[in-house]
Each structure stands twice: as C-alpha cells, then as structure tokens.
Amino acid sequence: SVETVARQVRYDFFSRVMSEQDIPLLLTAHNADDNLETVLFHLVRGCGLAGLGGIAPARLLDIPGQTVVRPLLLCSKADIVAACHELSLPFVTDSTNEDTSYTRNFLRARVLPALGEVIPHPEQQVARGSVTLREDEQCLGQLAGHLLTEASAENCLLRTSLATAHP
C-alpha cells in the first residue's frame, strides 16, 4: 500500500541520516492513540499475538546499531497535545491524516470516536492489553525455541518431541 511504502521510505531516510551522523537512537512520537489504531487495523485484518501487541516500544532498524524508541507510547494524543499547548511547544499535524480513503485514517476519524463513546479512554485500555500480549508473544517464542532445541538431534527434528507439543 501507499502507506507501507511511505513508512519504509521514512525509515530508510532516518537510517541514512543516522548512519551519516553516527546517531544510534531514533525517537518517535507514536502514542497510545496510534497504538489503538494499529491494533484495530491488525485485528480486522486477522492477526496473531504480534499484531494484537501493537506498536513495539523499541525495535532494531535494518542497519546494525540503530534502534527506534517510542517513549510516548503509553501517553494519549490528547495529553501530548495538551502538554504542547501548556508548554507553548509548536507541533505539526499531517494534513494527509484527513484523507479517510486510507484505512488507518478511516479508523482514526470514524471508528475511534464511536468507540470512545462506549468505552472511556480505549487507547489506555488497549495500551495495557498490548503490553501483556507482547509479553505473551515473547514467552511463547521462548517456549518454541526451547522445544526446537529439545527436538533437535543431529541435523534433524525428532517427530515424537514435536508431536507431543501444544499446537
């Protein structure tokens, strides 16, 4: 999609600048509202734990030694905007966010306000759930790694070990 390509172009640009300037960390302003949009987007597309875990608080970029960190992930957009106003900090809102032909923007403009009418602060509820689901995914990944280690023998996998494992 156009959104996916644009995201990749942005991160490629940041990685290039980070490499040129020897900058190891990229901090973004992703917030709890962004995470809620992401989780809903993944949910309606049919996802597993990774998708329901939402936006990771930190992840490695494609170039070794570069990490993106999202320090505002548990903060609501409303709280961030209020703090900007209170501290007289300028901020920019992307005008393309108004184009509801993009799924994420449609969710932001139409679905989230309706959800907010029946569930107080849904972004905070989903943020808490996302933390737990990311932990669950990490745990299951570790368990799968242990299973593979136990089932491995001389360049093969033992069928009996795998057959007794939980699906």
Protein backbone atom coordinates (compact mmCIF):
# COMPACT_ATOMS: atom_id res chain seq x y z
CA SER A 1 0.00 0.00 0.00
CA VAL A 2 0.99 3.64 -0.32
CA GLU A 3 1.12 3.89 3.48
CA THR A 4 3.51 0.93 3.75
CA VAL A 5 5.82 2.33 1.07
CA ALA A 6 5.77 5.80 2.68
CA ARG A 7 6.64 4.27 6.06
CA GLN A 8 9.58 2.37 4.55
CA VAL A 9 10.84 5.49 2.75
CA ARG A 10 10.70 7.45 6.04
CA TYR A 11 12.62 4.81 7.98
CA ASP A 12 15.17 4.43 5.16
CA PHE A 13 15.72 8.20 5.24
CA PHE A 14 16.12 8.22 9.03
CA SER A 15 18.53 5.26 8.89
CA ARG A 16 20.64 7.04 6.28
CA VAL A 17 20.81 10.25 8.35
CA MET A 18 21.53 8.24 11.49
CA SER A 19 24.40 6.47 9.72
CA GLU A 20 25.84 9.72 8.35
CA GLN A 21 25.64 11.47 11.74
CA ASP A 22 26.51 8.42 13.88
CA ILE A 23 23.17 8.59 15.73
CA PRO A 24 22.17 5.29 17.37
CA LEU A 25 18.61 6.16 18.50
CA LEU A 26 15.56 7.46 16.68
CA LEU A 27 12.80 8.64 19.00
CA THR A 28 9.32 8.89 17.52
CA ALA A 29 6.13 10.46 18.85
CA HIS A 30 3.98 7.35 18.44
CA ASN A 31 1.38 7.42 21.18
CA ALA A 32 -1.40 5.32 22.71
CA ASP A 33 -3.89 6.52 20.08
CA ASP A 34 -1.53 5.37 17.31
CA ASN A 35 -1.23 2.02 19.05
CA LEU A 36 -5.02 1.68 19.28
CA GLU A 37 -5.32 2.38 15.53
CA THR A 38 -2.62 -0.18 14.83
CA VAL A 39 -4.21 -2.88 16.99
CA LEU A 40 -7.64 -2.35 15.41
CA PHE A 41 -6.08 -2.32 11.94
CA HIS A 42 -4.32 -5.63 12.64
CA LEU A 43 -7.39 -7.13 14.32
CA VAL A 44 -9.71 -6.56 11.36
CA ARG A 45 -7.08 -7.99 9.01
CA GLY A 46 -6.84 -11.14 11.12
CA CYS A 47 -3.65 -11.32 13.14
CA GLY A 48 -1.98 -13.21 15.93
CA LEU A 49 -0.33 -12.04 19.11
CA ALA A 50 2.27 -9.95 17.28
CA GLY A 51 -0.44 -7.83 15.65
CA LEU A 52 -2.51 -7.52 18.81
CA GLY A 53 0.63 -6.47 20.66
CA GLY A 54 0.50 -3.26 18.65
CA ILE A 55 3.45 -0.93 18.23
CA ALA A 56 6.63 -2.12 19.94
CA PRO A 57 8.13 0.38 22.40
CA ALA A 58 11.52 -0.18 20.75
CA ARG A 59 12.87 -2.15 17.81
CA LEU A 60 16.08 -2.51 15.88
CA LEU A 61 16.27 -0.87 12.47
CA ASP A 62 17.72 -2.61 9.42
CA ILE A 63 21.19 -1.16 10.00
CA PRO A 64 23.05 -2.71 12.97
CA GLY A 65 23.40 -0.37 15.93
CA GLN A 66 20.29 1.65 15.08
CA THR A 67 17.18 1.49 17.26
CA VAL A 68 13.84 3.24 17.12
CA VAL A 69 12.35 4.06 20.54
CA ARG A 70 8.81 5.25 21.21
CA PRO A 71 8.84 6.94 24.63
CA LEU A 72 5.30 8.35 24.36
CA LEU A 73 3.59 5.07 23.51
CA LEU A 74 1.59 4.96 26.76
CA CYS A 75 0.55 8.63 26.54
CA SER A 76 -2.69 9.65 24.85
CA LYS A 77 -2.59 12.07 21.94
CA ALA A 78 -4.88 14.41 23.90
CA ASP A 79 -2.42 14.51 26.81
CA ILE A 80 0.50 15.18 24.45
CA VAL A 81 -1.34 17.98 22.64
CA ALA A 82 -2.41 19.50 26.00
CA ALA A 83 1.21 19.42 27.22
CA CYS A 84 2.38 21.08 23.99
CA HIS A 85 -0.17 23.87 24.46
CA GLU A 86 0.70 24.27 28.14
CA LEU A 87 4.43 24.49 27.39
CA SER A 88 3.94 26.57 24.21
CA LEU A 89 5.61 23.87 22.12
CA PRO A 90 4.82 24.01 18.42
CA PHE A 91 3.66 20.82 16.71
CA VAL A 92 2.53 19.82 13.24
CA THR A 93 -0.46 17.72 12.25
CA ASP A 94 -0.07 15.84 8.98
CA SER A 95 -2.78 17.11 6.62
CA THR A 96 -2.98 13.71 4.91
CA ASN A 97 -4.50 12.33 8.13
CA GLU A 98 -7.81 13.81 6.98
CA ASP A 99 -8.00 11.54 3.91
CA THR A 100 -10.33 8.75 5.02
CA SER A 101 -9.72 6.72 1.86
CA TYR A 102 -6.79 5.25 3.82
CA THR A 103 -7.91 2.55 6.28
CA ARG A 104 -5.92 3.90 9.22
CA ASN A 105 -7.31 7.41 8.72
CA PHE A 106 -10.84 6.00 8.44
CA LEU A 107 -10.37 4.19 11.74
CA ARG A 108 -8.99 7.38 13.31
CA ALA A 109 -11.76 9.64 12.01
CA ARG A 110 -14.83 7.42 12.25
CA VAL A 111 -14.32 4.26 14.30
CA LEU A 112 -12.26 5.54 17.25
CA PRO A 113 -14.63 8.41 18.12
CA ALA A 114 -17.55 5.94 18.15
CA LEU A 115 -15.54 3.52 20.26
CA GLY A 116 -14.70 6.35 22.67
CA GLU A 117 -18.43 6.96 23.17
CA VAL A 118 -18.93 3.49 24.68
CA ILE A 119 -15.52 2.77 26.23
CA PRO A 120 -13.79 5.51 28.23
CA HIS A 121 -10.19 6.03 27.08
CA PRO A 122 -9.98 2.99 24.79
CA GLU A 123 -6.39 3.93 23.90
CA GLN A 124 -5.34 3.36 27.51
CA GLN A 125 -7.23 0.05 27.74
CA VAL A 126 -5.60 -1.25 24.56
CA ALA A 127 -2.17 0.07 25.61
CA ARG A 128 -2.33 -2.06 28.77
CA GLY A 129 -3.53 -5.09 26.81
CA SER A 130 -0.80 -4.63 24.19
CA VAL A 131 1.90 -4.78 26.85
CA THR A 132 0.54 -8.09 28.14
CA LEU A 133 0.14 -9.55 24.65
CA ARG A 134 3.71 -8.60 23.69
CA GLU A 135 4.91 -10.37 26.84
CA ASP A 136 2.81 -13.42 25.94
CA GLU A 137 4.26 -13.48 22.43
CA GLN A 138 7.81 -13.27 23.80
CA CYS A 139 7.08 -16.11 26.23
CA LEU A 140 5.64 -18.33 23.50
CA GLY A 141 8.63 -17.55 21.28
CA GLN A 142 10.99 -18.62 24.05
CA LEU A 143 8.99 -21.80 24.65
CA ALA A 144 9.08 -22.59 20.93
CA GLY A 145 12.84 -22.04 20.92
CA HIS A 146 13.26 -24.45 23.85
CA LEU A 147 11.07 -27.01 22.06
CA LEU A 148 13.20 -26.78 18.92
CA THR A 149 16.35 -27.21 20.96
CA GLU A 150 14.93 -30.28 22.71
CA ALA A 151 13.61 -31.74 19.44
CA SER A 152 16.86 -31.22 17.56
CA ALA A 153 19.18 -34.16 17.06
CA GLU A 154 21.99 -34.48 14.51
CA ASN A 155 20.63 -32.10 11.83
CA CYS A 156 17.04 -33.31 12.15
CA LEU A 157 13.97 -32.78 14.29
CA LEU A 158 12.53 -35.56 16.40
CA ARG A 159 8.95 -36.08 15.30
CA THR A 160 7.95 -37.52 18.66
CA SER A 161 9.07 -34.39 20.51
CA LEU A 162 7.15 -32.14 18.15
CA ALA A 163 4.05 -34.37 18.10
CA THR A 164 3.62 -34.08 21.88
CA ALA A 165 3.93 -30.28 21.86
CA HIS A 166 0.94 -27.97 22.08
CA PRO A 167 -0.22 -26.96 18.59
